[in-house]
């Protein structure tokens, strides 16, 4: 029995030692990410993911985990976008992590709301939701200052209002189905509310 016990203890220590010696995941390579940005992404998102066309998202300062997740879902078709599927299909998992880390390393520039008449409504929805229709506050997941939560919830602060409005409308129409939570929330919002919260987010900092 003693021999068996010693043998078992030795086995446990061996497994533990092997686990501790396992190589850590490789850190993303920002230089490779920059190269991918220049070759694949810059035409639509600019070289550093900054304030390009309002129809395309600002990628500067976005969480790397969130960006990599979206690229994976574009590639698999879970997030339906023919243009992005074509782009993401050329990228390996390592490529996605590298380019996502490159954009995340950039300091996001502040944006501005365009329609001052909607700012009050947008702020009310973002910070307090609409209780009578069970629409939760955006700040609950995306944080009061729009910083978001890595992987799960994107940074929103300063995002183009046109892009945010388009995404909320896509969620509402069921065209973007990779977030059941957002589909359910957007389904309860009307056009004015969507426009208001998108405009408020553009000036959030």
Protein backbone atom coordinates (compact mmCIF):
# COMPACT_ATOMS: atom_id res chain seq x y z
CA UNK A 1 0.00 0.00 0.00
CA UNK A 2 2.83 2.39 0.90
CA UNK A 3 4.51 1.75 -2.44
CA UNK A 4 1.24 2.43 -4.26
CA UNK A 5 0.75 5.65 -2.31
CA UNK A 6 4.29 6.84 -3.13
CA UNK A 7 3.76 5.90 -6.77
CA UNK A 8 0.51 7.89 -6.90
CA UNK A 9 2.13 10.91 -5.24
CA UNK A 10 5.00 10.75 -7.71
CA UNK A 11 2.53 10.66 -10.58
CA UNK A 12 0.67 13.71 -9.25
CA UNK A 13 3.90 15.68 -8.88
CA UNK A 14 5.00 14.69 -12.38
CA UNK A 15 1.70 15.86 -13.91
CA UNK A 16 1.84 19.11 -11.92
CA UNK A 17 5.41 19.75 -13.02
CA UNK A 18 4.53 19.07 -16.64
CA UNK A 19 1.60 21.50 -16.43
CA UNK A 20 3.78 24.21 -14.91
CA UNK A 21 6.37 23.71 -17.66
CA UNK A 22 3.79 24.04 -20.45
CA UNK A 23 4.75 26.93 -22.74
CA UNK A 24 2.74 30.11 -22.28
CA UNK A 25 0.66 31.21 -25.26
CA UNK A 26 2.67 33.35 -27.66
CA UNK A 27 2.12 37.06 -27.30
CA UNK A 28 0.55 38.78 -30.30
CA UNK A 29 3.06 40.29 -32.72
CA UNK A 30 2.13 43.95 -33.27
CA UNK A 31 4.48 44.29 -36.25
CA UNK A 32 2.77 41.39 -38.02
CA UNK A 33 -0.58 42.90 -37.05
CA UNK A 34 0.42 46.22 -38.59
CA UNK A 35 1.46 44.46 -41.79
CA UNK A 36 -1.92 42.69 -42.00
CA UNK A 37 -3.68 46.00 -41.36
CA UNK A 38 -1.79 47.61 -44.24
CA UNK A 39 -2.36 44.73 -46.65
CA UNK A 40 -5.91 43.65 -45.80
CA UNK A 41 -7.77 46.19 -43.68
CA UNK A 42 -6.56 49.72 -44.40
CA UNK A 43 -8.73 50.37 -47.47
CA UNK A 44 -11.87 50.40 -45.30
CA UNK A 45 -10.56 50.96 -41.76
CA UNK A 46 -7.51 53.20 -42.44
CA UNK A 47 -3.97 52.16 -41.60
CA UNK A 48 -4.45 52.41 -37.82
CA UNK A 49 -8.20 51.85 -37.50
CA UNK A 50 -8.94 55.52 -36.83
CA UNK A 51 -11.80 57.76 -37.92
CA UNK A 52 -12.35 56.64 -41.52
CA UNK A 53 -15.69 56.34 -43.30
CA UNK A 54 -18.72 56.63 -40.96
CA UNK A 55 -20.08 53.45 -42.57
CA UNK A 56 -17.16 51.44 -41.17
CA UNK A 57 -16.32 50.96 -37.48
CA UNK A 58 -13.48 52.71 -35.71
CA UNK A 59 -11.14 49.93 -34.58
CA UNK A 60 -8.62 52.03 -32.64
CA UNK A 61 -8.65 51.12 -28.97
CA UNK A 62 -11.17 48.30 -29.42
CA UNK A 63 -10.63 45.25 -27.20
CA UNK A 64 -8.34 42.73 -28.89
CA UNK A 65 -10.38 39.75 -27.66
CA UNK A 66 -13.57 41.28 -29.05
CA UNK A 67 -12.01 42.04 -32.45
CA UNK A 68 -10.57 38.52 -32.73
CA UNK A 69 -13.96 37.06 -31.84
CA UNK A 70 -15.70 39.12 -34.53
CA UNK A 71 -13.14 38.11 -37.16
CA UNK A 72 -13.63 34.46 -36.22
CA UNK A 73 -17.40 34.84 -36.57
CA UNK A 74 -17.10 36.65 -39.91
CA UNK A 75 -14.92 33.78 -41.17
CA UNK A 76 -17.34 31.10 -39.94
CA UNK A 77 -20.41 32.98 -41.19
CA UNK A 78 -21.92 33.33 -37.70
CA UNK A 79 -21.77 37.09 -38.30
CA UNK A 80 -23.05 37.57 -41.82
CA UNK A 81 -21.14 40.09 -43.93
CA UNK A 82 -19.94 39.01 -47.39
CA UNK A 83 -17.15 41.62 -47.55
CA UNK A 84 -15.77 40.81 -44.12
CA UNK A 85 -16.14 37.07 -44.69
CA UNK A 86 -13.90 37.41 -47.73
CA UNK A 87 -11.32 39.37 -45.78
CA UNK A 88 -11.41 37.20 -42.65
CA UNK A 89 -11.21 33.98 -44.66
CA UNK A 90 -7.64 34.82 -45.63
CA UNK A 91 -6.58 35.12 -41.98
CA UNK A 92 -5.37 32.41 -39.62
CA UNK A 93 -6.23 32.46 -35.92
CA UNK A 94 -2.75 33.86 -35.24
CA UNK A 95 -3.24 36.57 -37.88
CA UNK A 96 -6.52 37.59 -36.24
CA UNK A 97 -4.90 37.86 -32.81
CA UNK A 98 -2.01 39.90 -34.23
CA UNK A 99 -4.12 42.42 -36.12
CA UNK A 100 -6.63 42.69 -33.26
CA UNK A 101 -3.79 43.43 -30.83
CA UNK A 102 -2.38 46.03 -33.22
CA UNK A 103 -5.67 47.96 -33.34
CA UNK A 104 -6.18 47.57 -29.59
CA UNK A 105 -2.76 49.12 -28.97
CA UNK A 106 -3.81 52.41 -30.60
CA UNK A 107 -5.28 55.28 -28.61
CA UNK A 108 -8.86 55.92 -29.71
CA UNK A 109 -9.61 59.50 -30.68
CA UNK A 110 -12.69 61.26 -29.24
CA UNK A 111 -15.80 61.75 -31.34
CA UNK A 112 -18.73 64.13 -31.27
CA UNK A 113 -22.51 63.88 -31.30
CA UNK A 114 -24.12 65.39 -34.42
CA UNK A 115 -27.71 66.00 -33.32
CA UNK A 116 -27.91 67.96 -30.07
CA UNK A 117 -31.70 67.60 -29.98
CA UNK A 118 -31.31 63.84 -29.42
CA UNK A 119 -28.49 63.87 -26.89
CA UNK A 120 -30.75 64.03 -23.83
CA UNK A 121 -32.83 61.07 -25.00
CA UNK A 122 -29.71 59.13 -25.97
CA UNK A 123 -28.12 59.72 -22.58
CA UNK A 124 -31.31 58.66 -20.79
CA UNK A 125 -31.42 55.35 -22.68
CA UNK A 126 -27.68 54.71 -22.39
CA UNK A 127 -27.56 55.33 -18.66
CA UNK A 128 -31.02 54.26 -17.53
CA UNK A 129 -32.65 52.19 -20.28
CA UNK A 130 -36.42 52.29 -20.83
CA UNK A 131 -38.00 50.55 -17.86
CA UNK A 132 -41.57 50.31 -19.19
CA UNK A 133 -40.35 48.25 -22.17
CA UNK A 134 -37.68 46.35 -20.25
CA UNK A 135 -34.86 47.87 -22.27
CA UNK A 136 -31.74 47.73 -20.09
CA UNK A 137 -29.24 50.56 -19.77
CA UNK A 138 -26.42 50.29 -22.32
CA UNK A 139 -24.02 51.29 -19.53
CA UNK A 140 -24.73 48.01 -17.74
CA UNK A 141 -22.69 46.06 -20.29
CA UNK A 142 -20.71 48.73 -22.11
CA UNK A 143 -19.80 50.67 -18.92
CA UNK A 144 -20.77 54.27 -18.06
CA UNK A 145 -17.93 55.74 -20.12
CA UNK A 146 -18.38 53.35 -23.05
CA UNK A 147 -15.20 51.37 -22.37
CA UNK A 148 -16.99 48.02 -22.68
CA UNK A 149 -15.82 44.66 -21.32
CA UNK A 150 -13.12 42.72 -23.22
CA UNK A 151 -14.33 39.80 -25.41
CA UNK A 152 -17.99 40.13 -24.42
CA UNK A 153 -18.93 43.75 -24.96
CA UNK A 154 -17.16 46.18 -27.31
CA UNK A 155 -15.87 49.63 -26.54
CA UNK A 156 -18.50 52.08 -27.85
CA UNK A 157 -17.18 55.50 -26.82
CA UNK A 158 -16.60 57.72 -29.85
CA UNK A 159 -17.86 55.17 -32.38
CA UNK A 160 -19.37 56.59 -35.58
CA UNK A 161 -23.07 57.20 -35.00
CA UNK A 162 -23.85 56.02 -38.54
CA UNK A 163 -22.16 52.69 -37.88
CA UNK A 164 -23.77 52.18 -34.45
CA UNK A 165 -27.19 53.03 -35.87
CA UNK A 166 -26.68 50.56 -38.71
CA UNK A 167 -25.70 47.78 -36.30
CA UNK A 168 -28.69 48.43 -34.01
CA UNK A 169 -31.00 48.33 -37.02
CA UNK A 170 -29.35 45.11 -38.20
CA UNK A 171 -29.86 43.55 -34.76
CA UNK A 172 -33.49 44.70 -34.75
CA UNK A 173 -34.15 43.24 -38.21
CA UNK A 174 -32.41 39.97 -37.32
CA UNK A 175 -29.77 40.51 -40.00
CA UNK A 176 -26.99 40.43 -37.43
CA UNK A 177 -27.57 37.38 -35.32
CA UNK A 178 -24.27 36.82 -33.50
CA UNK A 179 -25.59 38.44 -30.31
CA UNK A 180 -29.04 37.16 -29.23
CA UNK A 181 -28.93 39.62 -26.33
CA UNK A 182 -28.60 42.62 -28.66
CA UNK A 183 -31.23 41.24 -31.04
CA UNK A 184 -33.71 41.11 -28.15
CA UNK A 185 -32.86 44.63 -26.94
CA UNK A 186 -32.90 46.33 -30.36
CA UNK A 187 -36.23 44.68 -31.21
CA UNK A 188 -37.87 46.86 -28.53
CA UNK A 189 -36.42 50.16 -29.77
CA UNK A 190 -37.91 52.55 -32.32
CA UNK A 191 -36.03 54.51 -34.99
CA UNK A 192 -35.73 57.69 -32.91
CA UNK A 193 -34.42 55.84 -29.87
CA UNK A 194 -31.82 54.00 -31.94
CA UNK A 195 -30.68 57.21 -33.60
CA UNK A 196 -30.53 59.01 -30.24
CA UNK A 197 -28.44 56.41 -28.45
CA UNK A 198 -26.12 56.03 -31.46
CA UNK A 199 -25.55 59.78 -31.54
CA UNK A 200 -24.95 59.95 -27.79
CA UNK A 201 -22.39 57.15 -28.03
CA UNK A 202 -20.49 59.07 -30.73
CA UNK A 203 -19.76 61.85 -28.24
CA UNK A 204 -19.19 59.60 -25.24
CA UNK A 205 -15.73 59.77 -23.69
